[in-house]
Amino acid sequence: MPDEVGERAARQRVRQIAVALTDGEGLRVVALVATADDVPALVRLRGLMLADMGVAVGPRGARVSGAAGACDHRAPGPSSLSGLRGHVFNVSTEPVARRKGYARACTEELLRWFAEETEVTMVDLNATADGAGLYESLGFEVPRSPTMRIRLGSS
């Protein structure tokens, strides 16, 4: 099983983006590629997202917003000859920093990465009611066919 998990991780490209507030002429938004040093803040931001969904949260840190993107291999099709599909997830912003463009900066940086550094031609995401307007303003649309899901196993 560990070999299978490692193999899957090697096939999947992932990019995590964080927004940092820097001093200068007022506060400046900087979207940057997250590094291992950002893991605690990104885990905390994921906790904020999960808290908004009714799940327990962790301690606060320095980053104010974050988002992740992954490239998944799927069967090739007419809209994706490479079979590579992008997915944006874990978009979250500190409550006191919301509505200031930070989630937009993270999402725009992920879309730039998908467009310029991968072979992705289509990007999916699951939107909350609060985030839907942002994603629509960036060009995301509700697909014609809704996603369906089944949970396998004993959970």
N, C-alpha and C. Protein backbone atom coordinates (compact mmCIF):
# COMPACT_ATOMS: atom_id res chain seq x y z
N MET A 1 0.81 -1.21 0.00
CA MET A 1 0.00 0.00 0.00
C MET A 1 0.85 1.27 0.00
N PRO A 2 1.95 1.40 0.79
CA PRO A 2 2.75 2.61 0.75
C PRO A 2 3.28 2.90 -0.65
N ASP A 3 3.70 1.85 -1.40
CA ASP A 3 4.17 2.07 -2.77
C ASP A 3 3.08 2.65 -3.64
N GLU A 4 1.85 2.17 -3.48
CA GLU A 4 0.72 2.65 -4.26
C GLU A 4 0.44 4.12 -3.94
N VAL A 5 0.50 4.50 -2.66
CA VAL A 5 0.27 5.89 -2.25
C VAL A 5 1.37 6.78 -2.82
N GLY A 6 2.62 6.36 -2.72
CA GLY A 6 3.74 7.13 -3.26
C GLY A 6 3.65 7.29 -4.76
N GLU A 7 3.23 6.22 -5.45
CA GLU A 7 3.07 6.26 -6.89
C GLU A 7 1.99 7.26 -7.28
N ARG A 8 0.89 7.24 -6.56
CA ARG A 8 -0.21 8.16 -6.83
C ARG A 8 0.25 9.60 -6.61
N ALA A 9 0.99 9.85 -5.52
CA ALA A 9 1.48 11.20 -5.23
C ALA A 9 2.43 11.66 -6.32
N ALA A 10 3.24 10.76 -6.84
CA ALA A 10 4.18 11.13 -7.90
C ALA A 10 3.45 11.52 -9.19
N ARG A 11 2.29 10.91 -9.45
CA ARG A 11 1.52 11.22 -10.65
C ARG A 11 0.75 12.53 -10.50
N GLN A 12 0.50 12.94 -9.29
CA GLN A 12 -0.34 14.11 -9.03
C GLN A 12 0.54 15.31 -8.72
N ARG A 13 0.37 16.39 -9.49
CA ARG A 13 1.11 17.62 -9.21
C ARG A 13 0.23 18.50 -8.35
N VAL A 14 0.82 19.07 -7.31
CA VAL A 14 0.06 19.89 -6.37
C VAL A 14 0.79 21.21 -6.19
N ARG A 15 0.03 22.30 -6.12
CA ARG A 15 0.59 23.62 -5.86
C ARG A 15 -0.23 24.26 -4.75
N GLN A 16 0.40 24.74 -3.73
CA GLN A 16 -0.28 25.43 -2.63
C GLN A 16 0.13 26.90 -2.70
N ILE A 17 -0.84 27.79 -2.64
CA ILE A 17 -0.60 29.23 -2.70
C ILE A 17 -1.00 29.85 -1.37
N ALA A 18 -0.23 30.80 -0.90
CA ALA A 18 -0.56 31.52 0.32
C ALA A 18 -0.49 33.01 0.03
N VAL A 19 -1.25 33.79 0.77
CA VAL A 19 -1.17 35.24 0.68
C VAL A 19 -0.56 35.75 1.96
N ALA A 20 0.45 36.59 1.82
CA ALA A 20 1.09 37.21 2.98
C ALA A 20 0.87 38.71 2.89
N LEU A 21 0.68 39.32 4.02
CA LEU A 21 0.59 40.78 4.08
C LEU A 21 1.97 41.31 4.40
N THR A 22 2.47 42.24 3.58
CA THR A 22 3.80 42.80 3.82
C THR A 22 3.68 44.30 4.05
N ASP A 23 4.64 44.85 4.81
CA ASP A 23 4.68 46.29 5.02
C ASP A 23 5.33 46.94 3.81
N GLY A 24 5.09 48.18 3.64
CA GLY A 24 5.62 48.96 2.53
C GLY A 24 4.80 50.22 2.52
N GLU A 25 4.34 50.59 1.37
CA GLU A 25 3.42 51.73 1.28
C GLU A 25 2.03 51.20 1.60
N GLY A 26 1.73 51.07 2.87
CA GLY A 26 0.50 50.42 3.29
C GLY A 26 0.69 48.92 3.22
N LEU A 27 -0.37 48.19 3.43
CA LEU A 27 -0.28 46.73 3.34
C LEU A 27 -0.33 46.31 1.89
N ARG A 28 0.46 45.33 1.52
CA ARG A 28 0.53 44.83 0.16
C ARG A 28 0.21 43.34 0.17
N VAL A 29 -0.59 42.89 -0.79
CA VAL A 29 -0.92 41.48 -0.91
C VAL A 29 0.13 40.82 -1.80
N VAL A 30 0.71 39.73 -1.33
CA VAL A 30 1.69 38.99 -2.11
C VAL A 30 1.24 37.54 -2.17
N ALA A 31 0.87 37.08 -3.38
CA ALA A 31 0.54 35.66 -3.57
C ALA A 31 1.84 34.94 -3.85
N LEU A 32 2.13 33.90 -3.10
CA LEU A 32 3.38 33.19 -3.26
C LEU A 32 3.17 31.69 -3.20
N VAL A 33 4.10 30.99 -3.80
CA VAL A 33 4.06 29.53 -3.74
C VAL A 33 4.47 29.13 -2.34
N ALA A 34 3.63 28.37 -1.69
CA ALA A 34 3.90 27.96 -0.32
C ALA A 34 5.06 26.98 -0.27
N THR A 35 5.79 27.05 0.82
CA THR A 35 6.91 26.14 1.06
C THR A 35 6.63 25.33 2.32
N ALA A 36 7.57 24.49 2.67
CA ALA A 36 7.42 23.69 3.89
C ALA A 36 7.27 24.58 5.12
N ASP A 37 7.87 25.77 5.10
CA ASP A 37 7.75 26.69 6.23
C ASP A 37 6.32 27.17 6.43
N ASP A 38 5.50 27.13 5.37
CA ASP A 38 4.12 27.60 5.44
C ASP A 38 3.14 26.53 5.92
N VAL A 39 3.60 25.31 6.07
CA VAL A 39 2.69 24.21 6.42
C VAL A 39 1.85 24.50 7.65
N PRO A 40 2.43 24.99 8.76
CA PRO A 40 1.57 25.25 9.93
C PRO A 40 0.44 26.24 9.64
N ALA A 41 0.75 27.31 8.92
CA ALA A 41 -0.29 28.30 8.60
C ALA A 41 -1.32 27.72 7.65
N LEU A 42 -0.88 26.93 6.67
CA LEU A 42 -1.82 26.35 5.72
C LEU A 42 -2.72 25.32 6.39
N VAL A 43 -2.17 24.58 7.33
CA VAL A 43 -2.99 23.63 8.09
C VAL A 43 -4.03 24.40 8.91
N ARG A 44 -3.59 25.51 9.51
CA ARG A 44 -4.51 26.34 10.28
C ARG A 44 -5.62 26.90 9.38
N LEU A 45 -5.24 27.39 8.18
CA LEU A 45 -6.24 27.92 7.26
C LEU A 45 -7.22 26.83 6.82
N ARG A 46 -6.72 25.63 6.60
CA ARG A 46 -7.61 24.52 6.28
C ARG A 46 -8.58 24.28 7.44
N GLY A 47 -8.06 24.43 8.68
CA GLY A 47 -8.92 24.31 9.86
C GLY A 47 -10.03 25.35 9.86
N LEU A 48 -9.72 26.57 9.42
CA LEU A 48 -10.75 27.62 9.33
C LEU A 48 -11.84 27.21 8.34
N MET A 49 -11.40 26.68 7.19
CA MET A 49 -12.37 26.24 6.19
C MET A 49 -13.25 25.14 6.77
N LEU A 50 -12.62 24.18 7.44
CA LEU A 50 -13.38 23.09 8.03
C LEU A 50 -14.28 23.58 9.15
N ALA A 51 -13.83 24.58 9.92
CA ALA A 51 -14.66 25.15 10.99
C ALA A 51 -15.92 25.76 10.40
N ASP A 52 -15.77 26.42 9.25
CA ASP A 52 -16.94 26.99 8.58
C ASP A 52 -17.92 25.90 8.17
N MET A 53 -17.42 24.68 8.07
CA MET A 53 -18.26 23.55 7.69
C MET A 53 -18.70 22.77 8.94
N GLY A 54 -18.37 23.30 10.14
CA GLY A 54 -18.81 22.66 11.38
C GLY A 54 -17.81 21.70 11.98
N VAL A 55 -16.54 21.75 11.56
CA VAL A 55 -15.49 20.87 12.08
C VAL A 55 -14.58 21.69 12.99
N ALA A 56 -13.97 21.08 14.01
CA ALA A 56 -13.12 21.79 14.98
C ALA A 56 -11.93 22.46 14.30
N VAL A 57 -11.42 23.57 14.91
CA VAL A 57 -10.31 24.35 14.35
C VAL A 57 -9.07 24.27 15.22
N GLY A 58 -7.93 24.72 14.66
CA GLY A 58 -6.66 24.74 15.39
C GLY A 58 -6.22 26.16 15.70
N PRO A 59 -4.97 26.35 16.17
CA PRO A 59 -4.47 27.68 16.55
C PRO A 59 -4.22 28.58 15.35
N ARG A 60 -4.12 29.88 15.60
CA ARG A 60 -3.92 30.87 14.53
C ARG A 60 -2.44 31.07 14.24
N GLY A 61 -2.12 31.58 13.01
CA GLY A 61 -0.73 31.81 12.59
C GLY A 61 -0.61 33.08 11.77
N ALA A 62 0.45 33.20 10.97
CA ALA A 62 0.79 34.45 10.29
C ALA A 62 0.11 34.63 8.93
N ARG A 63 -0.06 33.58 8.14
CA ARG A 63 -0.66 33.73 6.81
C ARG A 63 -2.15 34.04 6.98
N VAL A 64 -2.71 34.85 6.05
CA VAL A 64 -4.10 35.25 6.18
C VAL A 64 -5.04 34.56 5.21
N SER A 65 -4.49 33.95 4.16
CA SER A 65 -5.33 33.29 3.17
C SER A 65 -4.52 32.22 2.46
N GLY A 66 -5.19 31.20 1.96
CA GLY A 66 -4.49 30.14 1.25
C GLY A 66 -5.43 29.40 0.32
N ALA A 67 -4.85 28.70 -0.63
CA ALA A 67 -5.60 27.86 -1.57
C ALA A 67 -4.65 26.81 -2.10
N ALA A 68 -5.20 25.69 -2.52
CA ALA A 68 -4.38 24.62 -3.08
C ALA A 68 -4.93 24.24 -4.45
N GLY A 69 -4.05 23.74 -5.30
CA GLY A 69 -4.46 23.25 -6.60
C GLY A 69 -3.72 21.97 -6.90
N ALA A 70 -4.38 21.06 -7.60
CA ALA A 70 -3.77 19.79 -7.96
C ALA A 70 -4.10 19.45 -9.40
N CYS A 71 -3.21 18.73 -10.03
CA CYS A 71 -3.44 18.20 -11.37
C CYS A 71 -3.70 16.70 -11.23
N ASP A 72 -4.84 16.27 -11.70
CA ASP A 72 -5.21 14.86 -11.61
C ASP A 72 -5.25 14.26 -13.01
N HIS A 73 -4.72 13.04 -13.13
CA HIS A 73 -4.78 12.33 -14.41
C HIS A 73 -6.11 11.60 -14.51
N ARG A 74 -6.78 11.82 -15.62
CA ARG A 74 -8.04 11.14 -15.91
C ARG A 74 -7.98 10.62 -17.35
N ALA A 75 -8.99 9.93 -17.76
CA ALA A 75 -9.03 9.46 -19.15
C ALA A 75 -9.10 10.66 -20.08
N PRO A 76 -8.34 10.67 -21.18
CA PRO A 76 -8.43 11.77 -22.14
C PRO A 76 -9.84 11.87 -22.72
N GLY A 77 -10.22 13.07 -23.09
CA GLY A 77 -11.53 13.29 -23.70
C GLY A 77 -11.47 14.48 -24.64
N PRO A 78 -12.57 14.80 -25.30
CA PRO A 78 -12.58 15.90 -26.26
C PRO A 78 -12.16 17.25 -25.66
N SER A 79 -12.50 17.50 -24.39
CA SER A 79 -12.13 18.78 -23.79
C SER A 79 -10.78 18.73 -23.08
N SER A 80 -10.17 17.56 -23.02
CA SER A 80 -8.86 17.42 -22.36
C SER A 80 -8.13 16.23 -22.98
N LEU A 81 -7.42 16.51 -24.07
CA LEU A 81 -6.71 15.44 -24.76
C LEU A 81 -5.60 14.84 -23.90
N SER A 82 -5.02 15.63 -23.01
CA SER A 82 -3.96 15.13 -22.14
C SER A 82 -4.51 14.29 -20.99
N GLY A 83 -5.81 14.46 -20.69
CA GLY A 83 -6.39 13.77 -19.54
C GLY A 83 -6.03 14.42 -18.23
N LEU A 84 -5.35 15.55 -18.28
CA LEU A 84 -4.94 16.24 -17.06
C LEU A 84 -6.01 17.27 -16.69
N ARG A 85 -6.53 17.17 -15.48
CA ARG A 85 -7.60 18.06 -15.00
C ARG A 85 -7.11 18.77 -13.75
N GLY A 86 -7.36 20.06 -13.65
CA GLY A 86 -6.99 20.83 -12.48
C GLY A 86 -8.12 20.84 -11.46
N HIS A 87 -7.75 20.98 -10.20
CA HIS A 87 -8.75 21.09 -9.14
C HIS A 87 -8.24 22.09 -8.11
N VAL A 88 -9.06 23.10 -7.79
CA VAL A 88 -8.77 24.09 -6.76
C VAL A 88 -9.51 23.65 -5.49
N PHE A 89 -8.82 23.68 -4.36
CA PHE A 89 -9.46 23.27 -3.11
C PHE A 89 -8.81 23.98 -1.93
N ASN A 90 -9.43 23.87 -0.78
CA ASN A 90 -8.92 24.45 0.46
C ASN A 90 -8.73 25.96 0.38
N VAL A 91 -9.60 26.66 -0.33
CA VAL A 91 -9.54 28.12 -0.35
C VAL A 91 -10.10 28.62 0.98
N SER A 92 -9.29 29.35 1.72
CA SER A 92 -9.72 29.80 3.04
C SER A 92 -9.01 31.10 3.40
N THR A 93 -9.72 31.97 4.11
CA THR A 93 -9.17 33.25 4.55
C THR A 93 -9.56 33.49 6.01
N GLU A 94 -8.64 34.05 6.77
CA GLU A 94 -8.95 34.42 8.15
C GLU A 94 -10.21 35.28 8.16
N PRO A 95 -11.12 35.06 9.11
CA PRO A 95 -12.36 35.85 9.15
C PRO A 95 -12.13 37.36 9.14
N VAL A 96 -11.13 37.85 9.87
CA VAL A 96 -10.89 39.30 9.92
C VAL A 96 -10.29 39.83 8.62
N ALA A 97 -9.82 38.95 7.74
CA ALA A 97 -9.18 39.38 6.50
C ALA A 97 -10.05 39.12 5.27
N ARG A 98 -11.28 38.71 5.46
CA ARG A 98 -12.14 38.38 4.33
C ARG A 98 -12.64 39.63 3.62
N ARG A 99 -13.02 39.44 2.36
CA ARG A 99 -13.57 40.50 1.50
C ARG A 99 -12.54 41.58 1.18
N LYS A 100 -11.26 41.18 1.12
CA LYS A 100 -10.19 42.13 0.79
C LYS A 100 -9.40 41.68 -0.44
N GLY A 101 -9.87 40.62 -1.10
CA GLY A 101 -9.21 40.18 -2.33
C GLY A 101 -8.14 39.12 -2.15
N TYR A 102 -7.96 38.60 -0.94
CA TYR A 102 -6.88 37.64 -0.71
C TYR A 102 -7.19 36.27 -1.32
N ALA A 103 -8.42 35.79 -1.17
CA ALA A 103 -8.79 34.52 -1.79
C ALA A 103 -8.72 34.65 -3.31
N ARG A 104 -9.12 35.81 -3.83
CA ARG A 104 -9.01 36.06 -5.27
C ARG A 104 -7.55 35.98 -5.72
N ALA A 105 -6.65 36.60 -4.96
CA ALA A 105 -5.23 36.58 -5.32
C ALA A 105 -4.70 35.15 -5.34
N CYS A 106 -5.09 34.34 -4.35
CA CYS A 106 -4.65 32.94 -4.31
C CYS A 106 -5.20 32.17 -5.50
N THR A 107 -6.49 32.34 -5.77
CA THR A 107 -7.12 31.59 -6.86
C THR A 107 -6.57 32.02 -8.21
N GLU A 108 -6.36 33.32 -8.40
CA GLU A 108 -5.79 33.80 -9.66
C GLU A 108 -4.39 33.25 -9.87
N GLU A 109 -3.59 33.16 -8.81
CA GLU A 109 -2.25 32.60 -8.94
C GLU A 109 -2.30 31.12 -9.29
N LEU A 110 -3.24 30.39 -8.70
CA LEU A 110 -3.39 28.98 -9.08
C LEU A 110 -3.81 28.86 -10.55
N LEU A 111 -4.74 29.68 -11.00
CA LEU A 111 -5.18 29.63 -12.40
C LEU A 111 -4.02 29.98 -13.34
N ARG A 112 -3.17 30.94 -12.94
CA ARG A 112 -1.99 31.27 -13.75
C ARG A 112 -1.07 30.06 -13.82
N TRP A 113 -0.86 29.40 -12.67
CA TRP A 113 0.00 28.21 -12.64
C TRP A 113 -0.55 27.12 -13.55
N PHE A 114 -1.86 26.83 -13.44
CA PHE A 114 -2.46 25.81 -14.30
C PHE A 114 -2.23 26.16 -15.77
N ALA A 115 -2.48 27.42 -16.15
CA ALA A 115 -2.41 27.85 -17.55
C ALA A 115 -0.98 27.87 -18.09
N GLU A 116 -0.03 28.31 -17.29
CA GLU A 116 1.33 28.53 -17.78
C GLU A 116 2.31 27.40 -17.49
N GLU A 117 2.05 26.60 -16.47
CA GLU A 117 3.04 25.61 -16.07
C GLU A 117 2.56 24.17 -16.11
N THR A 118 1.32 23.95 -16.51
CA THR A 118 0.80 22.58 -16.62
C THR A 118 0.10 22.43 -17.97
N GLU A 119 -0.34 21.24 -18.26
CA GLU A 119 -1.10 20.97 -19.49
C GLU A 119 -2.60 20.96 -19.23
N VAL A 120 -3.02 21.47 -18.09
CA VAL A 120 -4.43 21.49 -17.72
C VAL A 120 -5.20 22.42 -18.66
N THR A 121 -6.36 21.95 -19.13
CA THR A 121 -7.24 22.79 -19.96
C THR A 121 -8.58 23.04 -19.28
N MET A 122 -8.83 22.37 -18.15
CA MET A 122 -10.08 22.53 -17.42
C MET A 122 -9.78 22.43 -15.93
N VAL A 123 -10.37 23.35 -15.14
CA VAL A 123 -10.16 23.37 -13.70
C VAL A 123 -11.52 23.30 -13.01
N ASP A 124 -11.63 22.41 -12.04
CA ASP A 124 -12.85 22.24 -11.25
C ASP A 124 -12.63 22.76 -9.84
N LEU A 125 -13.72 23.05 -9.16
CA LEU A 125 -13.69 23.32 -7.73
C LEU A 125 -15.08 23.10 -7.18
N ASN A 126 -15.16 22.93 -5.89
CA ASN A 126 -16.45 22.86 -5.18
C ASN A 126 -16.57 24.16 -4.41
N ALA A 127 -17.64 24.90 -4.66
CA ALA A 127 -17.79 26.22 -4.06
C ALA A 127 -18.80 26.21 -2.92
N THR A 128 -18.49 26.98 -1.89
CA THR A 128 -19.48 27.26 -0.85
C THR A 128 -20.36 28.40 -1.36
N ALA A 129 -21.46 28.63 -0.69
CA ALA A 129 -22.33 29.75 -1.08
C ALA A 129 -21.57 31.07 -0.98
N ASP A 130 -20.72 31.22 0.05
CA ASP A 130 -19.95 32.45 0.21
C ASP A 130 -18.92 32.65 -0.90
N GLY A 131 -18.36 31.57 -1.43
CA GLY A 131 -17.32 31.69 -2.44
C GLY A 131 -17.80 31.68 -3.87
N ALA A 132 -19.05 31.29 -4.12
CA ALA A 132 -19.55 31.12 -5.49
C ALA A 132 -19.40 32.39 -6.33
N GLY A 133 -19.71 33.55 -5.77
CA GLY A 133 -19.61 34.80 -6.52
C GLY A 133 -18.19 35.08 -6.98
N LEU A 134 -17.22 34.84 -6.12
CA LEU A 134 -15.82 35.02 -6.48
C LEU A 134 -15.48 34.13 -7.67
N TYR A 135 -15.81 32.85 -7.57
CA TYR A 135 -15.43 31.91 -8.62
C TYR A 135 -16.14 32.23 -9.94
N GLU A 136 -17.40 32.63 -9.86
CA GLU A 136 -18.12 33.03 -11.09
C GLU A 136 -17.45 34.24 -11.72
N SER A 137 -16.98 35.20 -10.90
CA SER A 137 -16.32 36.39 -11.45
C SER A 137 -14.99 36.04 -12.12
N LEU A 138 -14.41 34.90 -11.76
CA LEU A 138 -13.17 34.44 -12.38
C LEU A 138 -13.42 33.56 -13.60
N GLY A 139 -14.71 33.31 -13.93
CA GLY A 139 -15.04 32.53 -15.12
C GLY A 139 -15.53 31.12 -14.87
N PHE A 140 -15.57 30.68 -13.62
CA PHE A 140 -16.08 29.34 -13.33
C PHE A 140 -17.58 29.31 -13.59
N GLU A 141 -18.05 28.18 -14.07
CA GLU A 141 -19.47 27.98 -14.35
C GLU A 141 -19.94 26.69 -13.71
N VAL A 142 -21.23 26.62 -13.43
CA VAL A 142 -21.81 25.39 -12.92
C VAL A 142 -21.92 24.43 -14.10
N PRO A 143 -21.38 23.20 -13.99
CA PRO A 143 -21.43 22.27 -15.12
C PRO A 143 -22.86 21.82 -15.42
N ARG A 144 -23.06 21.41 -16.67
CA ARG A 144 -24.40 20.93 -17.08
C ARG A 144 -24.81 19.71 -16.29
N SER A 145 -23.87 18.84 -16.02
CA SER A 145 -24.18 17.60 -15.28
C SER A 145 -23.65 17.73 -13.86
N PRO A 146 -24.51 17.61 -12.86
CA PRO A 146 -24.03 17.73 -11.48
C PRO A 146 -23.16 16.53 -11.10
N THR A 147 -22.24 16.78 -10.21
CA THR A 147 -21.39 15.71 -9.69
C THR A 147 -22.21 14.85 -8.73
N MET A 148 -21.99 13.56 -8.79
CA MET A 148 -22.60 12.64 -7.84
C MET A 148 -21.47 11.90 -7.15
N ARG A 149 -21.73 11.38 -5.96
CA ARG A 149 -20.68 10.75 -5.18
C ARG A 149 -21.27 9.61 -4.37
N ILE A 150 -20.47 8.60 -4.15
CA ILE A 150 -20.81 7.51 -3.24
C ILE A 150 -19.61 7.30 -2.32
N ARG A 151 -19.86 7.11 -1.06
CA ARG A 151 -18.78 6.80 -0.10
C ARG A 151 -18.70 5.29 0.05
N LEU A 152 -17.52 4.78 -0.16
CA LEU A 152 -17.28 3.33 -0.06
C LEU A 152 -16.63 3.02 1.28
N GLY A 153 -16.87 1.87 1.80
CA GLY A 153 -16.26 1.48 3.06
C GLY A 153 -17.22 1.63 4.22
N SER A 154 -16.65 1.59 5.40
CA SER A 154 -17.46 1.57 6.61
C SER A 154 -17.65 2.93 7.26
N SER A 155 -17.23 4.01 6.65
CA SER A 155 -17.36 5.32 7.31
C SER A 155 -18.68 5.95 7.16
